[in-house]
Structure formats: structure tokens, C-alpha cells
C-alpha atoms as a PDB file:
ATOM      1  CA  UNK A   1      15.961  -3.470   3.952  1.00  0.00           C
ATOM      2  CA  UNK A   2      12.206  -3.155   4.274  1.00  0.00           C
ATOM      3  CA  UNK A   3       9.846  -4.481   6.629  1.00  0.00           C
ATOM      4  CA  UNK A   4       5.982  -4.803   6.800  1.00  0.00           C
ATOM      5  CA  UNK A   5       3.630  -5.642   8.546  1.00  0.00           C
ATOM      6  CA  UNK A   6      -0.031  -6.538   8.091  1.00  0.00           C
ATOM      7  CA  UNK A   7      -3.572  -6.954   9.878  1.00  0.00           C
ATOM      8  CA  UNK A   8      -7.039  -7.731   9.484  1.00  0.00           C
ATOM      9  CA  UNK A   9     -10.008  -5.782  11.768  1.00  0.00           C
ATOM     10  CA  UNK A  10     -13.139  -7.649  10.731  1.00  0.00           C
ATOM     11  CA  UNK A  11     -15.154  -6.009  13.570  1.00  0.00           C
ATOM     12  CA  UNK A  12     -13.992  -1.968  11.919  1.00  0.00           C
ATOM     13  CA  UNK A  13     -13.703  -3.728   8.571  1.00  0.00           C
ATOM     14  CA  UNK A  14      -9.756  -2.482   8.042  1.00  0.00           C
ATOM     15  CA  UNK A  15      -7.002  -3.636   6.523  1.00  0.00           C
ATOM     16  CA  UNK A  16      -3.917  -2.111   8.399  1.00  0.00           C
ATOM     17  CA  UNK A  17      -0.612  -2.251   6.437  1.00  0.00           C
ATOM     18  CA  UNK A  18       2.731  -0.730   8.539  1.00  0.00           C
ATOM     19  CA  UNK A  19       5.297  -0.263   5.862  1.00  0.00           C
ATOM     20  CA  UNK A  20       8.795   0.446   7.206  1.00  0.00           C
ATOM     21  CA  UNK A  21      12.204   1.671   5.550  1.00  0.00           C
ATOM     22  CA  UNK A  22      13.604   1.021   2.344  1.00  0.00           C
ATOM     23  CA  UNK A  23      11.817  -2.255  -0.313  1.00  0.00           C
ATOM     24  CA  UNK A  24      14.308  -4.286  -2.308  1.00  0.00           C
ATOM     25  CA  UNK A  25      12.626  -6.608  -5.007  1.00  0.00           C
ATOM     26  CA  UNK A  26      12.489  -9.104  -2.879  1.00  0.00           C
ATOM     27  CA  UNK A  27      11.331  -7.369  -0.396  1.00  0.00           C
ATOM     28  CA  UNK A  28       8.540  -6.154  -1.784  1.00  0.00           C
ATOM     29  CA  UNK A  29       8.074 -10.242  -3.643  1.00  0.00           C
ATOM     30  CA  UNK A  30       7.210 -11.333   0.451  1.00  0.00           C
ATOM     31  CA  UNK A  31       4.641  -8.617   0.845  1.00  0.00           C
ATOM     32  CA  UNK A  32       2.776  -9.313  -1.854  1.00  0.00           C
ATOM     33  CA  UNK A  33       2.321 -12.880  -1.297  1.00  0.00           C
ATOM     34  CA  UNK A  34       1.293 -11.817   2.429  1.00  0.00           C
ATOM     35  CA  UNK A  35      -1.194  -9.190   1.296  1.00  0.00           C
ATOM     36  CA  UNK A  36      -2.603 -11.937  -1.076  1.00  0.00           C
ATOM     37  CA  UNK A  37      -2.966 -14.535   1.426  1.00  0.00           C
ATOM     38  CA  UNK A  38      -3.961 -11.703   4.260  1.00  0.00           C
ATOM     39  CA  UNK A  39      -7.514 -10.739   1.534  1.00  0.00           C
ATOM     40  CA  UNK A  40      -7.536 -14.346  -0.013  1.00  0.00           C
ATOM     41  CA  UNK A  41      -9.888 -15.116   3.744  1.00  0.00           C
ATOM     42  CA  UNK A  42     -12.279 -11.776   3.378  1.00  0.00           C
ATOM     43  CA  UNK A  43     -14.290  -9.721   0.467  1.00  0.00           C
ATOM     44  CA  UNK A  44     -12.090  -6.526  -0.080  1.00  0.00           C
ATOM     45  CA  UNK A  45     -15.237  -4.862  -1.599  1.00  0.00           C
ATOM     46  CA  UNK A  46     -16.482  -4.255   1.874  1.00  0.00           C
ATOM     47  CA  UNK A  47     -13.251  -3.217   3.367  1.00  0.00           C
ATOM     48  CA  UNK A  48     -10.821   0.315   3.973  1.00  0.00           C
ATOM     49  CA  UNK A  49      -7.582  -0.354   3.201  1.00  0.00           C
ATOM     50  CA  UNK A  50      -4.474   1.416   6.045  1.00  0.00           C
ATOM     51  CA  UNK A  51      -1.132   1.463   4.923  1.00  0.00           C
ATOM     52  CA  UNK A  52       1.108   3.818   7.146  1.00  0.00           C
ATOM     53  CA  UNK A  53       3.971   4.528   4.885  1.00  0.00           C
ATOM     54  CA  UNK A  54       5.336   7.504   7.901  1.00  0.00           C
ATOM     55  CA  UNK A  55       8.303   4.732   8.332  1.00  0.00           C
ATOM     56  CA  UNK A  56       9.117   4.712   4.322  1.00  0.00           C
ATOM     57  CA  UNK A  57      11.031   5.727   2.165  1.00  0.00           C
ATOM     58  CA  UNK A  58      11.226   6.706  -1.359  1.00  0.00           C
ATOM     59  CA  UNK A  59      10.766   3.847  -4.063  1.00  0.00           C
ATOM     60  CA  UNK A  60      14.255   3.144  -5.705  1.00  0.00           C
ATOM     61  CA  UNK A  61      14.421   3.302  -9.533  1.00  0.00           C
ATOM     62  CA  UNK A  62      13.658  -0.260  -9.684  1.00  0.00           C
ATOM     63  CA  UNK A  63      11.537  -1.285  -7.248  1.00  0.00           C
ATOM     64  CA  UNK A  64       8.634   1.236  -8.897  1.00  0.00           C
ATOM     65  CA  UNK A  65       7.279  -1.163 -11.492  1.00  0.00           C
ATOM     66  CA  UNK A  66       6.440  -3.376  -8.251  1.00  0.00           C
ATOM     67  CA  UNK A  67       5.058  -0.647  -6.923  1.00  0.00           C
ATOM     68  CA  UNK A  68       3.122   0.711  -9.185  1.00  0.00           C
ATOM     69  CA  UNK A  69       1.823  -3.573  -9.205  1.00  0.00           C
ATOM     70  CA  UNK A  70       0.254  -3.328  -5.923  1.00  0.00           C
ATOM     71  CA  UNK A  71      -2.122  -0.165  -6.863  1.00  0.00           C
ATOM     72  CA  UNK A  72      -3.172  -2.081  -9.857  1.00  0.00           C
ATOM     73  CA  UNK A  73      -4.042  -4.805  -7.580  1.00  0.00           C
ATOM     74  CA  UNK A  74      -5.217  -2.680  -5.114  1.00  0.00           C
ATOM     75  CA  UNK A  75      -7.425  -1.689  -7.077  1.00  0.00           C
ATOM     76  CA  UNK A  76      -8.308  -4.441  -8.715  1.00  0.00           C
ATOM     77  CA  UNK A  77      -9.285  -6.630  -5.079  1.00  0.00           C
ATOM     78  CA  UNK A  78     -11.733  -3.218  -5.096  1.00  0.00           C
ATOM     79  CA  UNK A  79     -11.667  -1.202  -1.003  1.00  0.00           C
ATOM     80  CA  UNK A  80     -13.973   0.825  -0.671  1.00  0.00           C
ATOM     81  CA  UNK A  81     -10.622   3.055   0.512  1.00  0.00           C
ATOM     82  CA  UNK A  82      -7.091   2.632  -0.053  1.00  0.00           C
ATOM     83  CA  UNK A  83      -5.442   4.709   2.537  1.00  0.00           C
ATOM     84  CA  UNK A  84      -1.854   5.891   2.641  1.00  0.00           C
ATOM     85  CA  UNK A  85      -0.209   7.794   6.031  1.00  0.00           C
ATOM     86  CA  UNK A  86       2.618   9.149   5.532  1.00  0.00           C
ATOM     87  CA  UNK A  87       5.035  11.889   7.280  1.00  0.00           C
ATOM     88  CA  UNK A  88       5.749  15.175   5.880  1.00  0.00           C
ATOM     89  CA  UNK A  89       8.050  13.839   3.121  1.00  0.00           C
ATOM     90  CA  UNK A  90       7.137  15.712  -0.048  1.00  0.00           C
ATOM     91  CA  UNK A  91       8.556  13.723  -2.453  1.00  0.00           C
ATOM     92  CA  UNK A  92       7.676  10.264  -1.595  1.00  0.00           C
ATOM     93  CA  UNK A  93       4.100  11.695  -1.785  1.00  0.00           C
ATOM     94  CA  UNK A  94       4.796  13.362  -4.995  1.00  0.00           C
ATOM     95  CA  UNK A  95       5.774   9.406  -6.129  1.00  0.00           C
ATOM     96  CA  UNK A  96       2.392   6.963  -4.765  1.00  0.00           C
ATOM     97  CA  UNK A  97       0.605  10.482  -5.855  1.00  0.00           C
ATOM     98  CA  UNK A  98       1.728   9.293  -9.350  1.00  0.00           C
ATOM     99  CA  UNK A  99       1.464   5.603  -9.315  1.00  0.00           C
ATOM    100  CA  UNK A 100      -1.584   6.021  -7.731  1.00  0.00           C
ATOM    101  CA  UNK A 101      -3.427   8.017 -10.816  1.00  0.00           C
ATOM    102  CA  UNK A 102      -0.751   5.449 -13.510  1.00  0.00           C
ATOM    103  CA  UNK A 103      -2.613   3.028 -11.673  1.00  0.00           C
ATOM    104  CA  UNK A 104      -5.875   4.678 -12.216  1.00  0.00           C
ATOM    105  CA  UNK A 105      -6.732   4.067  -8.204  1.00  0.00           C
ATOM    106  CA  UNK A 106      -8.917   6.779  -7.469  1.00  0.00           C
ATOM    107  CA  UNK A 107     -10.008   6.264  -4.663  1.00  0.00           C
ATOM    108  CA  UNK A 108      -7.023   6.843  -2.990  1.00  0.00           C
ATOM    109  CA  UNK A 109      -6.148   9.285  -0.436  1.00  0.00           C
ATOM    110  CA  UNK A 110      -2.813   9.772   0.189  1.00  0.00           C
ATOM    111  CA  UNK A 111      -2.818  12.339   3.750  1.00  0.00           C
ATOM    112  CA  UNK A 112       0.487  13.906   5.359  1.00  0.00           C
ATOM    113  CA  UNK A 113       0.908  13.973   8.908  1.00  0.00           C
END
């Protein structure tokens, strides 16, 4: 089961998202709904999106289209920058990089720690 935590820092103009575990389609849909509720109160073009993926597992093939939809959504919302922080996980980094490119998310930065 996947878990997510969303926080908005209006002073720093940052939305922090923490992802953990393995997301099912249901988990993904719940996180998208929470995300949409969070950004409805702000102007995304003024904010950075920082997503902590250090505890996230590689996405199962059946959930990849949902994740790709998230990247497309991040692009259309127009954030200043989208940062993904990962543990040193080459497979997950490759998967997220590919989805970011496919979605045309040019302001995506993936940081391995």
C-alpha cells in the first residue's frame, strides 16, 4: 500500500509531497484527488513542487499510466520546478526520468541521495 503526505509552505512557495511504499491504482487516485484539492488554493506557476520519493518502490506496470498522467498534470499546472528526490535507486530513477520525458516535463530535476 502506498502512502502520501502533502504540505504547502506558502512563505517559501513550495508544495512538499512525500511518497512511500507501493502504490495501487486506488492509492494513486486518492493521492491525485488530495493533490488537486491542495493546488486549487494556490497559483502553481508561483510554486516549486518537491516530491520525496526516497521511500517509494518501483511502480508496477499497471499503475504506470496513472503515474504518467501525474507528470502530465504537473506540466499543465505550470510549476516553476518539479524536484524528485530518490534514494540511490537506478531502476526507479530510470522509470521516473522516462515518464518525465514522455510527458514533456522539461523543468523536472531528479536528485539521487
